[in-house]
């Protein structure tokens, strides 16, 4: 899926640049979206839970988020650790419930690695 275009509810917004994996739970927590073709150098994270469809023939990932919402999302900086505070800000921005509430996690942070 790396390189696939991200299709928001009203047009394309970027492409899949990578994945963020929770190496304790063995789960893909986020898809790294590069918006460099639309806004210079910005990367944001989108949860796989927010994907509506993946089109293998069109090489697109369709998400249930608007372009504006993704555009104004908290920037993802690969060199910075992903903390629970950052994740809370991310989920609040997108208006989505955090995965750790569904999974019963209460830890303040954990190890993640980019793929």
N, C-alpha and C. Protein backbone atom coordinates (compact mmCIF):
# COMPACT_ATOMS: atom_id res chain seq x y z
N UNK A 1 0.81 -1.20 0.00
CA UNK A 1 0.00 0.00 0.00
C UNK A 1 0.85 1.27 0.00
N UNK A 2 2.14 1.14 0.30
CA UNK A 2 2.99 2.32 0.27
C UNK A 2 2.94 2.93 -1.12
N UNK A 3 2.71 4.25 -1.18
CA UNK A 3 2.59 4.95 -2.44
C UNK A 3 1.16 5.11 -2.91
N UNK A 4 0.22 4.36 -2.35
CA UNK A 4 -1.18 4.49 -2.74
C UNK A 4 -1.67 5.89 -2.37
N UNK A 5 -2.52 6.45 -3.22
CA UNK A 5 -3.11 7.76 -2.93
C UNK A 5 -4.18 7.62 -1.86
N UNK A 6 -4.28 8.67 -1.04
CA UNK A 6 -5.30 8.74 -0.01
C UNK A 6 -6.45 9.58 -0.57
N UNK A 7 -7.62 8.97 -0.66
CA UNK A 7 -8.81 9.67 -1.14
C UNK A 7 -9.68 10.03 0.06
N UNK A 8 -9.79 11.32 0.32
CA UNK A 8 -10.65 11.80 1.39
C UNK A 8 -12.08 11.89 0.86
N UNK A 9 -12.99 12.37 1.71
CA UNK A 9 -14.39 12.42 1.29
C UNK A 9 -14.62 13.38 0.13
N UNK A 10 -13.71 14.33 -0.08
CA UNK A 10 -13.86 15.28 -1.19
C UNK A 10 -12.54 15.42 -1.93
N UNK A 11 -12.01 14.34 -2.47
CA UNK A 11 -10.81 14.40 -3.29
C UNK A 11 -9.58 13.84 -2.62
N UNK A 12 -8.53 13.68 -3.41
CA UNK A 12 -7.27 13.13 -2.92
C UNK A 12 -6.56 14.14 -2.01
N UNK A 13 -5.77 13.61 -1.07
CA UNK A 13 -5.11 14.47 -0.09
C UNK A 13 -3.63 14.15 0.06
N UNK A 14 -3.18 13.00 -0.36
CA UNK A 14 -1.79 12.62 -0.19
C UNK A 14 -1.58 11.18 -0.59
N UNK A 15 -0.51 10.60 -0.06
CA UNK A 15 -0.24 9.19 -0.35
C UNK A 15 0.33 8.49 0.89
N UNK A 16 0.20 7.18 0.90
CA UNK A 16 0.71 6.38 2.01
C UNK A 16 2.23 6.38 1.95
N UNK A 17 2.85 6.88 3.02
CA UNK A 17 4.31 6.94 3.08
C UNK A 17 4.90 5.86 3.97
N UNK A 18 4.06 5.28 4.83
CA UNK A 18 4.55 4.25 5.72
C UNK A 18 3.49 3.89 6.74
N UNK A 19 3.92 3.14 7.75
CA UNK A 19 3.02 2.66 8.78
C UNK A 19 3.68 2.82 10.14
N UNK A 20 2.87 3.00 11.16
CA UNK A 20 3.36 3.04 12.54
C UNK A 20 2.80 1.80 13.22
N UNK A 21 3.71 0.97 13.71
CA UNK A 21 3.35 -0.32 14.29
C UNK A 21 3.59 -0.29 15.79
N UNK A 22 2.59 -0.73 16.53
CA UNK A 22 2.73 -0.92 17.97
C UNK A 22 3.41 -2.27 18.13
N UNK A 23 4.69 -2.25 18.48
CA UNK A 23 5.43 -3.51 18.53
C UNK A 23 5.20 -4.31 19.80
N UNK A 24 4.39 -3.80 20.71
CA UNK A 24 3.98 -4.60 21.87
C UNK A 24 2.69 -5.36 21.57
N UNK A 25 1.76 -4.73 20.87
CA UNK A 25 0.46 -5.35 20.57
C UNK A 25 0.45 -6.00 19.18
N UNK A 26 1.52 -5.84 18.42
CA UNK A 26 1.59 -6.35 17.06
C UNK A 26 0.41 -5.85 16.23
N UNK A 27 0.23 -4.52 16.23
CA UNK A 27 -0.88 -3.91 15.51
C UNK A 27 -0.39 -2.70 14.73
N UNK A 28 -0.93 -2.53 13.53
CA UNK A 28 -0.69 -1.29 12.78
C UNK A 28 -1.61 -0.25 13.39
N UNK A 29 -1.03 0.73 14.04
CA UNK A 29 -1.83 1.76 14.72
C UNK A 29 -2.19 2.91 13.78
N UNK A 30 -1.24 3.27 12.89
CA UNK A 30 -1.48 4.43 12.03
C UNK A 30 -0.87 4.22 10.65
N UNK A 31 -1.46 4.92 9.70
CA UNK A 31 -0.90 5.02 8.35
C UNK A 31 -0.31 6.41 8.25
N UNK A 32 0.93 6.47 7.84
CA UNK A 32 1.61 7.75 7.66
C UNK A 32 1.21 8.30 6.30
N UNK A 33 0.58 9.49 6.32
CA UNK A 33 0.11 10.12 5.09
C UNK A 33 1.01 11.32 4.77
N UNK A 34 1.61 11.29 3.61
CA UNK A 34 2.42 12.42 3.15
C UNK A 34 1.54 13.30 2.27
N UNK A 35 1.44 14.56 2.64
CA UNK A 35 0.64 15.52 1.86
C UNK A 35 1.53 16.43 1.02
N UNK A 36 2.77 16.01 0.78
CA UNK A 36 3.75 16.87 0.11
C UNK A 36 3.31 17.33 -1.28
N UNK A 37 2.45 16.59 -1.94
CA UNK A 37 1.96 17.03 -3.26
C UNK A 37 0.92 18.13 -3.13
N UNK A 38 0.39 18.33 -1.92
CA UNK A 38 -0.63 19.35 -1.69
C UNK A 38 -0.10 20.47 -0.81
N UNK A 39 0.65 20.12 0.27
CA UNK A 39 1.24 21.10 1.18
C UNK A 39 2.66 20.64 1.48
N UNK A 40 3.65 21.51 1.27
CA UNK A 40 5.05 21.12 1.38
C UNK A 40 5.43 20.44 2.69
N UNK A 41 5.90 19.20 2.56
CA UNK A 41 6.57 18.50 3.63
C UNK A 41 5.78 18.00 4.81
N UNK A 42 4.49 18.21 4.87
CA UNK A 42 3.73 17.80 6.04
C UNK A 42 3.31 16.34 5.97
N UNK A 43 3.46 15.65 7.11
CA UNK A 43 2.98 14.28 7.24
C UNK A 43 2.01 14.24 8.41
N UNK A 44 0.96 13.45 8.26
CA UNK A 44 -0.02 13.27 9.32
C UNK A 44 -0.29 11.77 9.47
N UNK A 45 -0.92 11.41 10.58
CA UNK A 45 -1.27 10.02 10.81
C UNK A 45 -2.78 9.84 10.71
N UNK A 46 -3.16 8.69 10.17
CA UNK A 46 -4.56 8.30 10.04
C UNK A 46 -4.67 6.86 10.53
N UNK A 47 -5.67 6.59 11.33
CA UNK A 47 -5.86 5.23 11.84
C UNK A 47 -6.42 4.31 10.76
N UNK A 48 -5.98 3.06 10.72
CA UNK A 48 -6.57 2.09 9.79
C UNK A 48 -8.07 1.91 10.04
N UNK A 49 -8.52 2.19 11.26
CA UNK A 49 -9.95 2.10 11.56
C UNK A 49 -10.78 3.09 10.75
N UNK A 50 -10.16 4.12 10.24
CA UNK A 50 -10.88 5.16 9.51
C UNK A 50 -10.89 4.93 8.00
N UNK A 51 -10.37 3.79 7.58
CA UNK A 51 -10.37 3.43 6.16
C UNK A 51 -11.72 2.81 5.81
N UNK A 52 -12.30 3.29 4.72
CA UNK A 52 -13.56 2.73 4.22
C UNK A 52 -13.30 1.60 3.24
N UNK A 53 -12.26 1.79 2.43
CA UNK A 53 -12.02 0.84 1.33
C UNK A 53 -10.59 1.00 0.83
N UNK A 54 -10.02 -0.10 0.34
CA UNK A 54 -8.74 -0.07 -0.35
C UNK A 54 -9.01 -0.61 -1.75
N UNK A 55 -8.67 0.17 -2.76
CA UNK A 55 -8.82 -0.27 -4.14
C UNK A 55 -7.45 -0.66 -4.67
N UNK A 56 -7.25 -1.97 -4.83
CA UNK A 56 -5.97 -2.45 -5.34
C UNK A 56 -5.80 -2.07 -6.80
N UNK A 57 -6.89 -2.06 -7.59
CA UNK A 57 -6.78 -1.72 -9.01
C UNK A 57 -6.52 -0.23 -9.23
N UNK A 58 -7.11 0.62 -8.38
CA UNK A 58 -6.90 2.08 -8.52
C UNK A 58 -5.73 2.58 -7.67
N UNK A 59 -5.13 1.71 -6.86
CA UNK A 59 -4.04 2.09 -5.95
C UNK A 59 -4.45 3.26 -5.06
N UNK A 60 -5.64 3.13 -4.44
CA UNK A 60 -6.16 4.18 -3.57
C UNK A 60 -6.66 3.60 -2.26
N UNK A 61 -6.51 4.43 -1.23
CA UNK A 61 -7.06 4.14 0.08
C UNK A 61 -8.11 5.22 0.36
N UNK A 62 -9.34 4.79 0.57
CA UNK A 62 -10.44 5.71 0.80
C UNK A 62 -10.70 5.82 2.30
N UNK A 63 -10.65 7.06 2.81
CA UNK A 63 -10.87 7.29 4.23
C UNK A 63 -12.12 8.13 4.44
N UNK A 64 -12.70 7.98 5.62
CA UNK A 64 -13.93 8.69 5.96
C UNK A 64 -13.62 10.02 6.66
N UNK A 65 -12.68 10.77 6.09
CA UNK A 65 -12.28 12.06 6.63
C UNK A 65 -12.24 13.07 5.49
N UNK A 66 -12.50 14.33 5.81
CA UNK A 66 -12.44 15.37 4.79
C UNK A 66 -11.00 15.79 4.52
N UNK A 67 -10.76 16.36 3.37
CA UNK A 67 -9.42 16.88 3.04
C UNK A 67 -8.99 17.91 4.07
N UNK A 68 -9.91 18.79 4.43
CA UNK A 68 -9.58 19.87 5.38
C UNK A 68 -9.19 19.29 6.74
N UNK A 69 -9.90 18.27 7.18
CA UNK A 69 -9.59 17.65 8.48
C UNK A 69 -8.20 17.04 8.45
N UNK A 70 -7.86 16.36 7.37
CA UNK A 70 -6.52 15.77 7.25
C UNK A 70 -5.47 16.86 7.13
N UNK A 71 -5.76 17.86 6.33
CA UNK A 71 -4.82 18.97 6.13
C UNK A 71 -4.45 19.66 7.44
N UNK A 72 -5.43 19.82 8.32
CA UNK A 72 -5.18 20.54 9.58
C UNK A 72 -4.84 19.59 10.73
N UNK A 73 -4.64 18.32 10.43
CA UNK A 73 -4.30 17.34 11.46
C UNK A 73 -2.95 17.62 12.10
N UNK A 74 -2.75 17.13 13.31
CA UNK A 74 -1.45 17.30 13.99
C UNK A 74 -0.32 16.70 13.15
N UNK A 75 0.72 17.46 12.96
CA UNK A 75 1.84 17.00 12.14
C UNK A 75 2.55 15.82 12.81
N UNK A 76 2.93 14.86 11.98
CA UNK A 76 3.70 13.71 12.44
C UNK A 76 5.16 13.96 12.09
N UNK A 77 6.01 13.91 13.10
CA UNK A 77 7.45 14.07 12.92
C UNK A 77 8.09 12.75 13.31
N UNK A 78 8.69 12.08 12.34
CA UNK A 78 9.22 10.74 12.55
C UNK A 78 10.25 10.66 13.68
N UNK A 79 10.99 11.72 13.89
CA UNK A 79 12.04 11.69 14.92
C UNK A 79 11.49 11.89 16.34
N UNK A 80 10.22 12.23 16.45
CA UNK A 80 9.61 12.45 17.76
C UNK A 80 8.84 11.20 18.19
N UNK A 81 8.92 10.85 19.47
CA UNK A 81 8.16 9.67 19.94
C UNK A 81 6.66 9.96 19.90
N UNK A 82 5.90 8.91 19.67
CA UNK A 82 4.44 9.04 19.69
C UNK A 82 4.01 8.77 21.12
N UNK A 83 3.56 9.82 21.79
CA UNK A 83 3.13 9.71 23.18
C UNK A 83 1.61 9.58 23.23
N UNK A 84 1.12 9.19 24.38
CA UNK A 84 -0.33 9.11 24.56
C UNK A 84 -0.95 10.50 24.41
N UNK A 85 -0.23 11.54 24.83
CA UNK A 85 -0.71 12.91 24.68
C UNK A 85 -0.89 13.26 23.20
N UNK A 86 0.10 12.92 22.37
CA UNK A 86 -0.01 13.17 20.93
C UNK A 86 -1.19 12.39 20.35
N UNK A 87 -1.30 11.11 20.73
CA UNK A 87 -2.39 10.29 20.23
C UNK A 87 -3.75 10.85 20.64
N UNK A 88 -3.86 11.33 21.86
CA UNK A 88 -5.12 11.93 22.33
C UNK A 88 -5.47 13.15 21.50
N UNK A 89 -4.46 13.98 21.22
CA UNK A 89 -4.66 15.16 20.39
C UNK A 89 -5.11 14.75 18.98
N UNK A 90 -4.50 13.71 18.45
CA UNK A 90 -4.82 13.21 17.12
C UNK A 90 -6.28 12.74 17.05
N UNK A 91 -6.67 11.91 17.99
CA UNK A 91 -8.04 11.37 17.99
C UNK A 91 -9.06 12.46 18.25
N UNK A 92 -8.74 13.42 19.11
CA UNK A 92 -9.63 14.55 19.37
C UNK A 92 -9.82 15.37 18.10
N UNK A 93 -8.73 15.64 17.39
CA UNK A 93 -8.81 16.42 16.15
C UNK A 93 -9.73 15.74 15.13
N UNK A 94 -9.59 14.42 15.00
CA UNK A 94 -10.40 13.69 14.02
C UNK A 94 -11.80 13.34 14.55
N UNK A 95 -12.05 13.63 15.83
CA UNK A 95 -13.36 13.36 16.41
C UNK A 95 -13.66 11.87 16.50
N UNK A 96 -12.64 11.07 16.76
CA UNK A 96 -12.78 9.62 16.82
C UNK A 96 -12.36 9.12 18.20
N UNK A 97 -13.01 8.07 18.65
CA UNK A 97 -12.64 7.51 19.95
C UNK A 97 -11.31 6.78 19.84
N UNK A 98 -10.48 6.90 20.85
CA UNK A 98 -9.16 6.26 20.84
C UNK A 98 -9.25 4.74 20.94
N UNK A 99 -8.36 4.07 20.27
CA UNK A 99 -8.34 2.61 20.25
C UNK A 99 -8.11 2.04 21.65
N UNK A 100 -7.33 2.74 22.49
CA UNK A 100 -6.99 2.19 23.80
C UNK A 100 -8.21 2.13 24.72
N UNK A 101 -9.23 2.94 24.46
CA UNK A 101 -10.45 2.83 25.25
C UNK A 101 -11.22 1.57 24.88
N UNK A 102 -11.21 1.23 23.59
CA UNK A 102 -11.87 0.01 23.12
C UNK A 102 -11.11 -1.23 23.57
N UNK A 103 -9.80 -1.13 23.63
CA UNK A 103 -8.96 -2.28 23.96
C UNK A 103 -8.68 -2.39 25.45
N UNK A 104 -9.14 -1.42 26.24
CA UNK A 104 -8.96 -1.48 27.68
C UNK A 104 -7.56 -1.16 28.15
N UNK A 105 -6.76 -0.46 27.31
CA UNK A 105 -5.40 -0.08 27.70
C UNK A 105 -5.44 1.18 28.55
N UNK A 106 -4.58 1.26 29.52
CA UNK A 106 -4.51 2.45 30.36
C UNK A 106 -3.09 2.95 30.52
N UNK A 107 -2.17 2.44 29.75
CA UNK A 107 -0.77 2.87 29.84
C UNK A 107 -0.63 4.27 29.27
N UNK A 108 0.32 5.03 29.78
CA UNK A 108 0.51 6.40 29.33
C UNK A 108 1.33 6.50 28.07
N UNK A 109 2.13 5.49 27.77
CA UNK A 109 2.89 5.47 26.53
C UNK A 109 3.39 4.06 26.28
N UNK A 110 3.81 3.80 25.08
CA UNK A 110 4.35 2.50 24.73
C UNK A 110 5.25 2.65 23.53
N UNK A 111 5.94 1.62 23.20
CA UNK A 111 6.90 1.66 22.10
C UNK A 111 6.23 1.48 20.76
N UNK A 112 6.51 2.36 19.82
CA UNK A 112 6.02 2.21 18.45
C UNK A 112 7.19 2.35 17.51
N UNK A 113 7.08 1.70 16.38
CA UNK A 113 8.13 1.81 15.39
C UNK A 113 7.52 2.08 14.03
N UNK A 114 8.18 2.89 13.23
CA UNK A 114 7.74 3.17 11.86
C UNK A 114 8.19 2.07 10.94
N UNK A 115 7.38 1.79 9.94
CA UNK A 115 7.71 0.75 8.96
C UNK A 115 7.73 1.40 7.59
